């Protein structure tokens, strides 16, 4: 998928930098697709918290990358280096897709890439981002925001969500799920999900959702309803909704619909089944229903999605990444 450049300068957060490197540096086993050529780019040896990093290239390499990832910025009260800001701006102007992780959004904002755009960052710094850059539409309540060629994520685990989202855009759900399995993390959380989740995963074996979620995921071909889930969990629909909100940050219906759409993506990528057959296999009932929910969730119709991932190959030399739509 061309060159993916990680910006490395003094003042970066090592967690987000390491996380991005783990996701993009090597393809998971048994995945036979063109993978990312990862380059660490910086002005010189960098102090990344307690670690010292030796970049592969200078910041002048950023405008030649297909994707640029800016990790978290440790001190949001300090202006990021002008040379980093200039290089990120130049990369975007040259056609690169630019993504920030956590407080890396402050670098993108300083470069003017977020002006007039919706963006997010770690919840503890959303007010500071909005105050310093009033032209940015800061959303404090989401995991990540995808504006096509400019993407931002909230903090820590949400940075992983955005990285997996990028893999999903480039290679499809099946490959993104393989990366998630290798890293032992959940394969998908919607970008619109709230940053605050009381209990991100069921914490006890006797939690009401511990058995319910895999039970439902194994039965997506059936016309499950919220009432079916509540009956299986032996509780009222209202009680189930409270447990879902606390454990997943979303509603039972939205969770169920997301699982159906993601399963449809996998079938579109990996099989020749018709849209009607996939609608039946994912519990959508009809192709019309599948197309409506798929288009709203993914942004393109199922047929377009299938053609895109079946036809996707490594970009030609000098060719920039372009969004699926």
C-alpha atoms as a PDB file:
ATOM      1  CA  UNK A   1       0.000   0.000   0.000  1.00  0.00           C
ATOM      2  CA  UNK A   2       2.898   2.373  -0.617  1.00  0.00           C
ATOM      3  CA  UNK A   3       4.893   4.277   1.982  1.00  0.00           C
ATOM      4  CA  UNK A   4       3.514   4.950   5.442  1.00  0.00           C
ATOM      5  CA  UNK A   5       5.598   7.531   7.294  1.00  0.00           C
ATOM      6  CA  UNK A   6       5.638   7.826  11.077  1.00  0.00           C
ATOM      7  CA  UNK A   7       6.685  11.284  12.227  1.00  0.00           C
ATOM      8  CA  UNK A   8       9.289  11.029  15.003  1.00  0.00           C
ATOM      9  CA  UNK A   9      10.495  14.099  16.873  1.00  0.00           C
ATOM     10  CA  UNK A  10      11.339  15.044  20.433  1.00  0.00           C
ATOM     11  CA  UNK A  11       8.178  15.278  22.499  1.00  0.00           C
ATOM     12  CA  UNK A  12       6.250  12.376  20.983  1.00  0.00           C
ATOM     13  CA  UNK A  13       4.434   9.782  23.111  1.00  0.00           C
ATOM     14  CA  UNK A  14       5.995   6.339  22.831  1.00  0.00           C
ATOM     15  CA  UNK A  15       2.746   4.365  23.294  1.00  0.00           C
ATOM     16  CA  UNK A  16       1.024   5.700  20.178  1.00  0.00           C
ATOM     17  CA  UNK A  17       4.239   5.534  18.152  1.00  0.00           C
ATOM     18  CA  UNK A  18       4.874   1.903  19.135  1.00  0.00           C
ATOM     19  CA  UNK A  19       1.239   0.983  18.561  1.00  0.00           C
ATOM     20  CA  UNK A  20       1.251   2.358  15.021  1.00  0.00           C
ATOM     21  CA  UNK A  21       4.518   0.586  14.246  1.00  0.00           C
ATOM     22  CA  UNK A  22       3.090  -2.727  15.475  1.00  0.00           C
ATOM     23  CA  UNK A  23       0.031  -2.387  13.244  1.00  0.00           C
ATOM     24  CA  UNK A  24       1.710  -1.218  10.043  1.00  0.00           C
ATOM     25  CA  UNK A  25       5.268  -2.591  10.095  1.00  0.00           C
ATOM     26  CA  UNK A  26       4.487  -6.183   9.133  1.00  0.00           C
ATOM     27  CA  UNK A  27       1.556  -8.080   7.651  1.00  0.00           C
ATOM     28  CA  UNK A  28      -0.077 -10.829   9.718  1.00  0.00           C
ATOM     29  CA  UNK A  29       0.769 -14.412   8.835  1.00  0.00           C
ATOM     30  CA  UNK A  30      -1.099 -15.947   5.902  1.00  0.00           C
ATOM     31  CA  UNK A  31      -2.185 -12.535   4.592  1.00  0.00           C
ATOM     32  CA  UNK A  32      -1.033 -12.264   0.990  1.00  0.00           C
ATOM     33  CA  UNK A  33      -1.577  -8.596   0.138  1.00  0.00           C
ATOM     34  CA  UNK A  34       0.859  -5.774  -0.629  1.00  0.00           C
ATOM     35  CA  UNK A  35       1.777  -4.327   2.763  1.00  0.00           C
ATOM     36  CA  UNK A  36       2.961  -0.926   3.965  1.00  0.00           C
ATOM     37  CA  UNK A  37       6.530   0.273   3.504  1.00  0.00           C
ATOM     38  CA  UNK A  38       6.979   1.907   6.916  1.00  0.00           C
ATOM     39  CA  UNK A  39       9.484   4.716   7.359  1.00  0.00           C
ATOM     40  CA  UNK A  40      10.393   6.514  10.583  1.00  0.00           C
ATOM     41  CA  UNK A  41      10.908  10.152   9.628  1.00  0.00           C
ATOM     42  CA  UNK A  42      12.370  12.912  11.795  1.00  0.00           C
ATOM     43  CA  UNK A  43      14.919  15.714  11.927  1.00  0.00           C
ATOM     44  CA  UNK A  44      17.433  13.525  13.784  1.00  0.00           C
ATOM     45  CA  UNK A  45      17.740  11.309  16.869  1.00  0.00           C
ATOM     46  CA  UNK A  46      14.639  11.912  18.972  1.00  0.00           C
ATOM     47  CA  UNK A  47      13.869  11.636  22.665  1.00  0.00           C
ATOM     48  CA  UNK A  48      10.522   9.831  22.908  1.00  0.00           C
ATOM     49  CA  UNK A  49       9.798   9.901  26.637  1.00  0.00           C
ATOM     50  CA  UNK A  50      12.398   7.484  28.155  1.00  0.00           C
ATOM     51  CA  UNK A  51      13.497   6.161  24.773  1.00  0.00           C
ATOM     52  CA  UNK A  52      15.849   7.332  22.025  1.00  0.00           C
ATOM     53  CA  UNK A  53      14.776   6.848  18.425  1.00  0.00           C
ATOM     54  CA  UNK A  54      16.877   6.867  15.258  1.00  0.00           C
ATOM     55  CA  UNK A  55      14.704   7.881  12.280  1.00  0.00           C
ATOM     56  CA  UNK A  56      15.296   6.274   8.894  1.00  0.00           C
ATOM     57  CA  UNK A  57      14.762   9.508   6.972  1.00  0.00           C
ATOM     58  CA  UNK A  58      14.415  13.228   7.473  1.00  0.00           C
ATOM     59  CA  UNK A  59      11.105  15.060   7.651  1.00  0.00           C
ATOM     60  CA  UNK A  60      11.580  15.969   3.997  1.00  0.00           C
ATOM     61  CA  UNK A  61      10.446  12.404   3.231  1.00  0.00           C
ATOM     62  CA  UNK A  62       6.897  13.082   4.492  1.00  0.00           C
ATOM     63  CA  UNK A  63       5.663  14.758   1.264  1.00  0.00           C
ATOM     64  CA  UNK A  64       6.677  11.617  -0.638  1.00  0.00           C
ATOM     65  CA  UNK A  65       4.621   9.260   1.569  1.00  0.00           C
ATOM     66  CA  UNK A  66       1.185   7.911   0.745  1.00  0.00           C
ATOM     67  CA  UNK A  67       0.099   7.996   4.392  1.00  0.00           C
ATOM     68  CA  UNK A  68       1.548  10.054   7.242  1.00  0.00           C
ATOM     69  CA  UNK A  69       0.827   9.149  10.870  1.00  0.00           C
ATOM     70  CA  UNK A  70       1.533  11.691  13.623  1.00  0.00           C
ATOM     71  CA  UNK A  71       1.674  10.061  17.087  1.00  0.00           C
ATOM     72  CA  UNK A  72       0.637  11.764  20.303  1.00  0.00           C
ATOM     73  CA  UNK A  73       2.280  15.034  21.328  1.00  0.00           C
ATOM     74  CA  UNK A  74       3.371  14.896  24.981  1.00  0.00           C
ATOM     75  CA  UNK A  75       3.065  18.557  26.039  1.00  0.00           C
ATOM     76  CA  UNK A  76       0.010  20.150  24.462  1.00  0.00           C
ATOM     77  CA  UNK A  77       0.919  23.495  26.069  1.00  0.00           C
ATOM     78  CA  UNK A  78       4.060  23.589  23.938  1.00  0.00           C
ATOM     79  CA  UNK A  79       3.924  24.461  20.258  1.00  0.00           C
ATOM     80  CA  UNK A  80       5.071  21.536  18.064  1.00  0.00           C
ATOM     81  CA  UNK A  81       8.279  22.117  16.084  1.00  0.00           C
ATOM     82  CA  UNK A  82       7.741  24.341  13.057  1.00  0.00           C
ATOM     83  CA  UNK A  83       9.663  21.946  10.821  1.00  0.00           C
ATOM     84  CA  UNK A  84       7.292  19.112  11.771  1.00  0.00           C
ATOM     85  CA  UNK A  85       4.224  21.280  11.172  1.00  0.00           C
ATOM     86  CA  UNK A  86       5.564  22.428   7.798  1.00  0.00           C
ATOM     87  CA  UNK A  87       6.402  18.867   6.740  1.00  0.00           C
ATOM     88  CA  UNK A  88       2.948  17.564   7.671  1.00  0.00           C
ATOM     89  CA  UNK A  89       1.290  20.405   5.772  1.00  0.00           C
ATOM     90  CA  UNK A  90       3.498  19.766   2.741  1.00  0.00           C
ATOM     91  CA  UNK A  91       2.654  16.065   2.832  1.00  0.00           C
ATOM     92  CA  UNK A  92      -1.060  16.783   2.770  1.00  0.00           C
ATOM     93  CA  UNK A  93      -0.664  19.308  -0.033  1.00  0.00           C
ATOM     94  CA  UNK A  94       1.251  16.665  -1.992  1.00  0.00           C
ATOM     95  CA  UNK A  95      -1.715  14.295  -1.712  1.00  0.00           C
ATOM     96  CA  UNK A  96      -0.868  12.164   1.313  1.00  0.00           C
ATOM     97  CA  UNK A  97      -3.495  10.877   3.709  1.00  0.00           C
ATOM     98  CA  UNK A  98      -2.628  12.293   7.143  1.00  0.00           C
ATOM     99  CA  UNK A  99      -3.734  10.755  10.451  1.00  0.00           C
ATOM    100  CA  UNK A 100      -3.072  11.849  14.016  1.00  0.00           C
ATOM    101  CA  UNK A 101      -3.178   9.643  17.093  1.00  0.00           C
ATOM    102  CA  UNK A 102      -4.306  11.108  20.414  1.00  0.00           C
ATOM    103  CA  UNK A 103      -2.780  14.581  20.918  1.00  0.00           C
ATOM    104  CA  UNK A 104      -1.083  14.429  17.534  1.00  0.00           C
ATOM    105  CA  UNK A 105      -4.200  16.375  16.518  1.00  0.00           C
ATOM    106  CA  UNK A 106      -2.454  19.500  17.846  1.00  0.00           C
ATOM    107  CA  UNK A 107       0.179  19.078  15.122  1.00  0.00           C
ATOM    108  CA  UNK A 108      -2.478  18.730  12.417  1.00  0.00           C
ATOM    109  CA  UNK A 109      -4.335  21.742  13.789  1.00  0.00           C
ATOM    110  CA  UNK A 110      -1.142  23.822  13.807  1.00  0.00           C
ATOM    111  CA  UNK A 111      -0.655  22.856  10.156  1.00  0.00           C
ATOM    112  CA  UNK A 112      -4.162  24.108   9.341  1.00  0.00           C
ATOM    113  CA  UNK A 113      -5.352  20.672   8.249  1.00  0.00           C
ATOM    114  CA  UNK A 114      -8.265  20.655  10.692  1.00  0.00           C
ATOM    115  CA  UNK A 115      -9.662  24.096   9.851  1.00  0.00           C
ATOM    116  CA  UNK A 116     -13.355  23.721   9.081  1.00  0.00           C
ATOM    117  CA  UNK A 117     -13.190  20.002   9.794  1.00  0.00           C
ATOM    118  CA  UNK A 118     -14.556  17.830  12.572  1.00  0.00           C
ATOM    119  CA  UNK A 119     -11.786  16.328  14.688  1.00  0.00           C
ATOM    120  CA  UNK A 120     -11.099  14.706  18.031  1.00  0.00           C
ATOM    121  CA  UNK A 121      -8.275  14.073  20.480  1.00  0.00           C
ATOM    122  CA  UNK A 122      -7.874  12.646  23.981  1.00  0.00           C
ATOM    123  CA  UNK A 123     -10.885  13.715  26.067  1.00  0.00           C
ATOM    124  CA  UNK A 124      -8.611  15.471  28.596  1.00  0.00           C
ATOM    125  CA  UNK A 125      -7.366  17.875  25.903  1.00  0.00           C
ATOM    126  CA  UNK A 126     -10.426  18.535  23.730  1.00  0.00           C
ATOM    127  CA  UNK A 127     -11.160  21.859  25.441  1.00  0.00           C
ATOM    128  CA  UNK A 128      -7.573  23.020  24.921  1.00  0.00           C
ATOM    129  CA  UNK A 129      -7.684  22.034  21.245  1.00  0.00           C
ATOM    130  CA  UNK A 130     -10.966  23.884  20.716  1.00  0.00           C
ATOM    131  CA  UNK A 131      -9.737  27.004  22.557  1.00  0.00           C
ATOM    132  CA  UNK A 132      -6.435  27.223  20.696  1.00  0.00           C
ATOM    133  CA  UNK A 133      -7.854  26.410  17.269  1.00  0.00           C
ATOM    134  CA  UNK A 134     -11.412  27.834  17.116  1.00  0.00           C
ATOM    135  CA  UNK A 135     -11.781  26.973  13.421  1.00  0.00           C
ATOM    136  CA  UNK A 136     -11.663  23.261  14.301  1.00  0.00           C
ATOM    137  CA  UNK A 137     -14.959  21.501  15.051  1.00  0.00           C
ATOM    138  CA  UNK A 138     -13.777  19.475  18.057  1.00  0.00           C
ATOM    139  CA  UNK A 139     -15.916  16.459  18.963  1.00  0.00           C
ATOM    140  CA  UNK A 140     -14.980  15.184  22.446  1.00  0.00           C
ATOM    141  CA  UNK A 141     -17.356  12.222  22.384  1.00  0.00           C
ATOM    142  CA  UNK A 142     -15.993   9.940  19.655  1.00  0.00           C
ATOM    143  CA  UNK A 143     -13.142   7.462  19.229  1.00  0.00           C
ATOM    144  CA  UNK A 144     -11.971   8.758  15.861  1.00  0.00           C
ATOM    145  CA  UNK A 145     -13.038  10.969  12.970  1.00  0.00           C
ATOM    146  CA  UNK A 146     -12.467  10.134   9.302  1.00  0.00           C
ATOM    147  CA  UNK A 147     -12.542  13.117   6.940  1.00  0.00           C
ATOM    148  CA  UNK A 148     -11.182  11.156   3.998  1.00  0.00           C
ATOM    149  CA  UNK A 149      -7.613  12.426   3.707  1.00  0.00           C
ATOM    150  CA  UNK A 150      -7.429  13.798   7.268  1.00  0.00           C
ATOM    151  CA  UNK A 151      -8.159  11.547  10.253  1.00  0.00           C
ATOM    152  CA  UNK A 152      -7.876  12.064  14.012  1.00  0.00           C
ATOM    153  CA  UNK A 153      -8.274   9.735  16.977  1.00  0.00           C
ATOM    154  CA  UNK A 154      -8.875  10.015  20.681  1.00  0.00           C
ATOM    155  CA  UNK A 155      -6.293   8.698  23.129  1.00  0.00           C
ATOM    156  CA  UNK A 156      -4.578   5.376  23.767  1.00  0.00           C
ATOM    157  CA  UNK A 157      -6.874   2.476  22.778  1.00  0.00           C
ATOM    158  CA  UNK A 158      -8.717   4.721  20.307  1.00  0.00           C
ATOM    159  CA  UNK A 159      -5.418   5.129  18.445  1.00  0.00           C
ATOM    160  CA  UNK A 160      -5.519   1.378  17.827  1.00  0.00           C
ATOM    161  CA  UNK A 161      -9.091   1.712  16.574  1.00  0.00           C
ATOM    162  CA  UNK A 162      -8.017   4.313  14.028  1.00  0.00           C
ATOM    163  CA  UNK A 163      -5.006   2.279  12.883  1.00  0.00           C
ATOM    164  CA  UNK A 164      -7.222  -0.763  12.328  1.00  0.00           C
ATOM    165  CA  UNK A 165      -9.699   1.496  10.519  1.00  0.00           C
ATOM    166  CA  UNK A 166      -6.926   2.503   8.106  1.00  0.00           C
ATOM    167  CA  UNK A 167      -6.044  -1.147   7.497  1.00  0.00           C
ATOM    168  CA  UNK A 168      -9.733  -1.860   6.907  1.00  0.00           C
ATOM    169  CA  UNK A 169      -9.974   0.959   4.362  1.00  0.00           C
ATOM    170  CA  UNK A 170      -6.895  -0.277   2.518  1.00  0.00           C
ATOM    171  CA  UNK A 171      -7.290  -4.054   2.740  1.00  0.00           C
ATOM    172  CA  UNK A 172     -10.814  -4.839   3.939  1.00  0.00           C
ATOM    173  CA  UNK A 173     -12.338  -6.243   7.093  1.00  0.00           C
ATOM    174  CA  UNK A 174     -10.860  -9.743   6.862  1.00  0.00           C
ATOM    175  CA  UNK A 175      -7.283  -8.415   6.868  1.00  0.00           C
ATOM    176  CA  UNK A 176      -8.036  -5.863   9.604  1.00  0.00           C
ATOM    177  CA  UNK A 177      -9.502  -8.665  11.696  1.00  0.00           C
ATOM    178  CA  UNK A 178      -6.344 -10.732  11.142  1.00  0.00           C
ATOM    179  CA  UNK A 179      -4.218  -7.826  12.378  1.00  0.00           C
ATOM    180  CA  UNK A 180      -6.471  -7.471  15.411  1.00  0.00           C
ATOM    181  CA  UNK A 181      -6.183 -11.178  16.183  1.00  0.00           C
ATOM    182  CA  UNK A 182      -2.389 -10.988  16.015  1.00  0.00           C
ATOM    183  CA  UNK A 183      -2.398  -8.074  18.461  1.00  0.00           C
ATOM    184  CA  UNK A 184      -5.129  -9.664  20.629  1.00  0.00           C
ATOM    185  CA  UNK A 185      -7.430  -6.629  20.457  1.00  0.00           C
ATOM    186  CA  UNK A 186     -11.099  -6.197  19.470  1.00  0.00           C
ATOM    187  CA  UNK A 187     -11.370  -6.139  15.659  1.00  0.00           C
ATOM    188  CA  UNK A 188     -13.711  -3.164  15.377  1.00  0.00           C
ATOM    189  CA  UNK A 189     -15.172  -0.290  17.361  1.00  0.00           C
ATOM    190  CA  UNK A 190     -17.141   2.374  15.527  1.00  0.00           C
ATOM    191  CA  UNK A 191     -15.460   5.757  15.331  1.00  0.00           C
ATOM    192  CA  UNK A 192     -18.658   7.341  16.618  1.00  0.00           C
ATOM    193  CA  UNK A 193     -18.598   5.319  19.816  1.00  0.00           C
ATOM    194  CA  UNK A 194     -18.195   7.353  23.013  1.00  0.00           C
ATOM    195  CA  UNK A 195     -14.716   7.794  24.514  1.00  0.00           C
ATOM    196  CA  UNK A 196     -16.132   7.136  27.980  1.00  0.00           C
ATOM    197  CA  UNK A 197     -17.082   3.510  28.497  1.00  0.00           C
ATOM    198  CA  UNK A 198     -17.724   2.439  32.081  1.00  0.00           C
ATOM    199  CA  UNK A 199     -16.505  -1.122  31.488  1.00  0.00           C
ATOM    200  CA  UNK A 200     -14.894  -1.569  28.021  1.00  0.00           C
ATOM    201  CA  UNK A 201     -15.166  -5.368  28.245  1.00  0.00           C
ATOM    202  CA  UNK A 202     -17.206  -7.563  30.564  1.00  0.00           C
ATOM    203  CA  UNK A 203     -14.976  -7.810  33.623  1.00  0.00           C
ATOM    204  CA  UNK A 204     -16.374 -11.007  35.182  1.00  0.00           C
ATOM    205  CA  UNK A 205     -17.233 -14.450  33.906  1.00  0.00           C
ATOM    206  CA  UNK A 206     -20.743 -13.969  35.302  1.00  0.00           C
ATOM    207  CA  UNK A 207     -21.291 -10.627  33.534  1.00  0.00           C
ATOM    208  CA  UNK A 208     -24.606 -10.775  31.602  1.00  0.00           C
ATOM    209  CA  UNK A 209     -22.880 -10.027  28.277  1.00  0.00           C
ATOM    210  CA  UNK A 210     -19.983 -12.479  28.613  1.00  0.00           C
ATOM    211  CA  UNK A 211     -21.910 -15.267  26.909  1.00  0.00           C
ATOM    212  CA  UNK A 212     -24.479 -13.145  25.105  1.00  0.00           C
ATOM    213  CA  UNK A 213     -22.133 -11.326  22.699  1.00  0.00           C
ATOM    214  CA  UNK A 214     -20.473 -14.445  21.214  1.00  0.00           C
ATOM    215  CA  UNK A 215     -23.870 -16.181  21.157  1.00  0.00           C
ATOM    216  CA  UNK A 216     -25.322 -13.357  19.076  1.00  0.00           C
ATOM    217  CA  UNK A 217     -22.253 -13.064  16.845  1.00  0.00           C
ATOM    218  CA  UNK A 218     -22.594 -16.747  15.947  1.00  0.00           C
ATOM    219  CA  UNK A 219     -26.226 -16.238  14.899  1.00  0.00           C
ATOM    220  CA  UNK A 220     -26.078 -13.198  12.638  1.00  0.00           C
ATOM    221  CA  UNK A 221     -27.869 -15.171   9.927  1.00  0.00           C
ATOM    222  CA  UNK A 222     -30.955 -15.218  12.132  1.00  0.00           C
ATOM    223  CA  UNK A 223     -33.381 -12.270  12.450  1.00  0.00           C
ATOM    224  CA  UNK A 224     -32.326 -11.431  16.009  1.00  0.00           C
ATOM    225  CA  UNK A 225     -33.991  -8.519  17.730  1.00  0.00           C
ATOM    226  CA  UNK A 226     -33.264  -6.618  20.929  1.00  0.00           C
ATOM    227  CA  UNK A 227     -36.058  -8.611  22.522  1.00  0.00           C
ATOM    228  CA  UNK A 228     -34.327 -11.856  21.489  1.00  0.00           C
ATOM    229  CA  UNK A 229     -31.100 -10.681  23.112  1.00  0.00           C
ATOM    230  CA  UNK A 230     -32.914  -9.644  26.285  1.00  0.00           C
ATOM    231  CA  UNK A 231     -34.697 -12.990  26.456  1.00  0.00           C
ATOM    232  CA  UNK A 232     -31.390 -14.844  26.047  1.00  0.00           C
ATOM    233  CA  UNK A 233     -29.819 -12.710  28.771  1.00  0.00           C
ATOM    234  CA  UNK A 234     -32.898 -13.243  30.973  1.00  0.00           C
ATOM    235  CA  UNK A 235     -33.554  -9.579  31.580  1.00  0.00           C
ATOM    236  CA  UNK A 236     -35.789  -6.804  30.347  1.00  0.00           C
ATOM    237  CA  UNK A 237     -34.931  -4.876  27.189  1.00  0.00           C
ATOM    238  CA  UNK A 238     -34.388  -1.737  29.262  1.00  0.00           C
ATOM    239  CA  UNK A 239     -32.024  -3.551  31.640  1.00  0.00           C
ATOM    240  CA  UNK A 240     -30.137  -5.033  28.689  1.00  0.00           C
ATOM    241  CA  UNK A 241     -29.739  -1.557  27.161  1.00  0.00           C
ATOM    242  CA  UNK A 242     -28.133  -0.293  30.376  1.00  0.00           C
ATOM    243  CA  UNK A 243     -25.654  -3.204  30.419  1.00  0.00           C
ATOM    244  CA  UNK A 244     -24.821  -2.675  26.742  1.00  0.00           C
ATOM    245  CA  UNK A 245     -24.211   1.025  27.176  1.00  0.00           C
ATOM    246  CA  UNK A 246     -21.929   0.412  30.165  1.00  0.00           C
ATOM    247  CA  UNK A 247     -19.973  -2.432  28.559  1.00  0.00           C
ATOM    248  CA  UNK A 248     -19.751  -1.402  24.897  1.00  0.00           C
ATOM    249  CA  UNK A 249     -20.615   2.285  24.773  1.00  0.00           C
ATOM    250  CA  UNK A 250     -23.459   1.680  22.336  1.00  0.00           C
ATOM    251  CA  UNK A 251     -26.977   0.255  22.143  1.00  0.00           C
ATOM    252  CA  UNK A 252     -27.902  -3.403  21.520  1.00  0.00           C
ATOM    253  CA  UNK A 253     -29.480  -2.552  18.161  1.00  0.00           C
ATOM    254  CA  UNK A 254     -26.504  -0.550  16.950  1.00  0.00           C
ATOM    255  CA  UNK A 255     -24.086  -3.254  18.107  1.00  0.00           C
ATOM    256  CA  UNK A 256     -26.085  -5.934  16.320  1.00  0.00           C
ATOM    257  CA  UNK A 257     -26.323  -3.896  13.122  1.00  0.00           C
ATOM    258  CA  UNK A 258     -22.574  -3.201  13.183  1.00  0.00           C
ATOM    259  CA  UNK A 259     -21.827  -6.936  13.480  1.00  0.00           C
ATOM    260  CA  UNK A 260     -24.109  -7.662  10.528  1.00  0.00           C
ATOM    261  CA  UNK A 261     -22.468  -5.028   8.326  1.00  0.00           C
ATOM    262  CA  UNK A 262     -18.946  -6.188   9.238  1.00  0.00           C
ATOM    263  CA  UNK A 263     -19.906  -9.771   8.445  1.00  0.00           C
ATOM    264  CA  UNK A 264     -21.278  -8.599   5.110  1.00  0.00           C
ATOM    265  CA  UNK A 265     -17.956  -6.890   4.383  1.00  0.00           C
ATOM    266  CA  UNK A 266     -16.082 -10.125   5.004  1.00  0.00           C
ATOM    267  CA  UNK A 267     -18.409 -12.094   2.723  1.00  0.00           C
ATOM    268  CA  UNK A 268     -18.152  -9.485  -0.027  1.00  0.00           C
ATOM    269  CA  UNK A 269     -14.358  -9.651   0.147  1.00  0.00           C
ATOM    270  CA  UNK A 270     -13.913 -13.402   0.480  1.00  0.00           C
ATOM    271  CA  UNK A 271     -16.804 -14.986  -1.470  1.00  0.00           C
ATOM    272  CA  UNK A 272     -18.697 -14.696  -4.754  1.00  0.00           C
ATOM    273  CA  UNK A 273     -22.066 -14.900  -2.992  1.00  0.00           C
ATOM    274  CA  UNK A 274     -24.746 -12.598  -4.352  1.00  0.00           C
ATOM    275  CA  UNK A 275     -25.930  -9.575  -2.385  1.00  0.00           C
ATOM    276  CA  UNK A 276     -29.232 -11.398  -1.822  1.00  0.00           C
ATOM    277  CA  UNK A 277     -27.413 -14.405  -0.358  1.00  0.00           C
ATOM    278  CA  UNK A 278     -25.252 -12.172   1.835  1.00  0.00           C
ATOM    279  CA  UNK A 279     -28.337 -10.319   3.054  1.00  0.00           C
ATOM    280  CA  UNK A 280     -29.799 -13.656   4.124  1.00  0.00           C
ATOM    281  CA  UNK A 281     -26.519 -14.832   5.691  1.00  0.00           C
ATOM    282  CA  UNK A 282     -26.235 -11.665   7.781  1.00  0.00           C
ATOM    283  CA  UNK A 283     -29.834 -11.537   8.954  1.00  0.00           C
ATOM    284  CA  UNK A 284     -30.659  -8.472   6.866  1.00  0.00           C
ATOM    285  CA  UNK A 285     -33.463 -10.277   5.081  1.00  0.00           C
ATOM    286  CA  UNK A 286     -33.382  -8.547   1.705  1.00  0.00           C
ATOM    287  CA  UNK A 287     -30.775  -7.015  -0.572  1.00  0.00           C
ATOM    288  CA  UNK A 288     -32.575  -3.690  -0.286  1.00  0.00           C
ATOM    289  CA  UNK A 289     -32.195  -3.669   3.495  1.00  0.00           C
ATOM    290  CA  UNK A 290     -28.546  -4.697   3.265  1.00  0.00           C
ATOM    291  CA  UNK A 291     -27.780  -2.000   0.697  1.00  0.00           C
ATOM    292  CA  UNK A 292     -29.429   0.690   2.828  1.00  0.00           C
ATOM    293  CA  UNK A 293     -27.573  -0.169   6.039  1.00  0.00           C
ATOM    294  CA  UNK A 294     -24.302  -0.968   4.260  1.00  0.00           C
ATOM    295  CA  UNK A 295     -24.254   2.301   2.344  1.00  0.00           C
ATOM    296  CA  UNK A 296     -25.058   4.299   5.478  1.00  0.00           C
ATOM    297  CA  UNK A 297     -22.388   2.538   7.582  1.00  0.00           C
ATOM    298  CA  UNK A 298     -19.561   1.991   5.093  1.00  0.00           C
ATOM    299  CA  UNK A 299     -20.240   4.887   2.728  1.00  0.00           C
ATOM    300  CA  UNK A 300     -20.541   2.929  -0.519  1.00  0.00           C
ATOM    301  CA  UNK A 301     -22.952   0.261  -1.889  1.00  0.00           C
ATOM    302  CA  UNK A 302     -22.025  -3.435  -1.416  1.00  0.00           C
ATOM    303  CA  UNK A 303     -21.267  -3.941  -5.126  1.00  0.00           C
ATOM    304  CA  UNK A 304     -18.886  -0.985  -5.180  1.00  0.00           C
ATOM    305  CA  UNK A 305     -17.215  -2.242  -2.028  1.00  0.00           C
ATOM    306  CA  UNK A 306     -16.658  -5.683  -3.562  1.00  0.00           C
ATOM    307  CA  UNK A 307     -15.266  -4.306  -6.831  1.00  0.00           C
ATOM    308  CA  UNK A 308     -12.905  -1.994  -4.964  1.00  0.00           C
ATOM    309  CA  UNK A 309     -11.328  -4.671  -2.810  1.00  0.00           C
ATOM    310  CA  UNK A 310     -11.223  -7.256  -5.598  1.00  0.00           C
ATOM    311  CA  UNK A 311      -9.435  -4.770  -7.878  1.00  0.00           C
ATOM    312  CA  UNK A 312      -7.143  -3.124  -5.338  1.00  0.00           C
ATOM    313  CA  UNK A 313      -3.445  -3.550  -6.069  1.00  0.00           C
ATOM    314  CA  UNK A 314      -0.251  -1.821  -4.998  1.00  0.00           C
ATOM    315  CA  UNK A 315      -0.220   1.812  -6.227  1.00  0.00           C
ATOM    316  CA  UNK A 316       2.099   2.560  -9.107  1.00  0.00           C
ATOM    317  CA  UNK A 317       5.317   4.437  -8.244  1.00  0.00           C
ATOM    318  CA  UNK A 318       4.461   7.986  -7.272  1.00  0.00           C
ATOM    319  CA  UNK A 319       0.715   7.264  -7.165  1.00  0.00           C
ATOM    320  CA  UNK A 320      -1.024   8.582  -4.049  1.00  0.00           C
ATOM    321  CA  UNK A 321      -3.581   6.786  -1.943  1.00  0.00           C
ATOM    322  CA  UNK A 322      -7.169   7.596  -2.831  1.00  0.00           C
ATOM    323  CA  UNK A 323     -10.272   6.906  -0.723  1.00  0.00           C
ATOM    324  CA  UNK A 324     -12.523   4.015  -1.715  1.00  0.00           C
ATOM    325  CA  UNK A 325     -15.455   6.268  -2.513  1.00  0.00           C
END
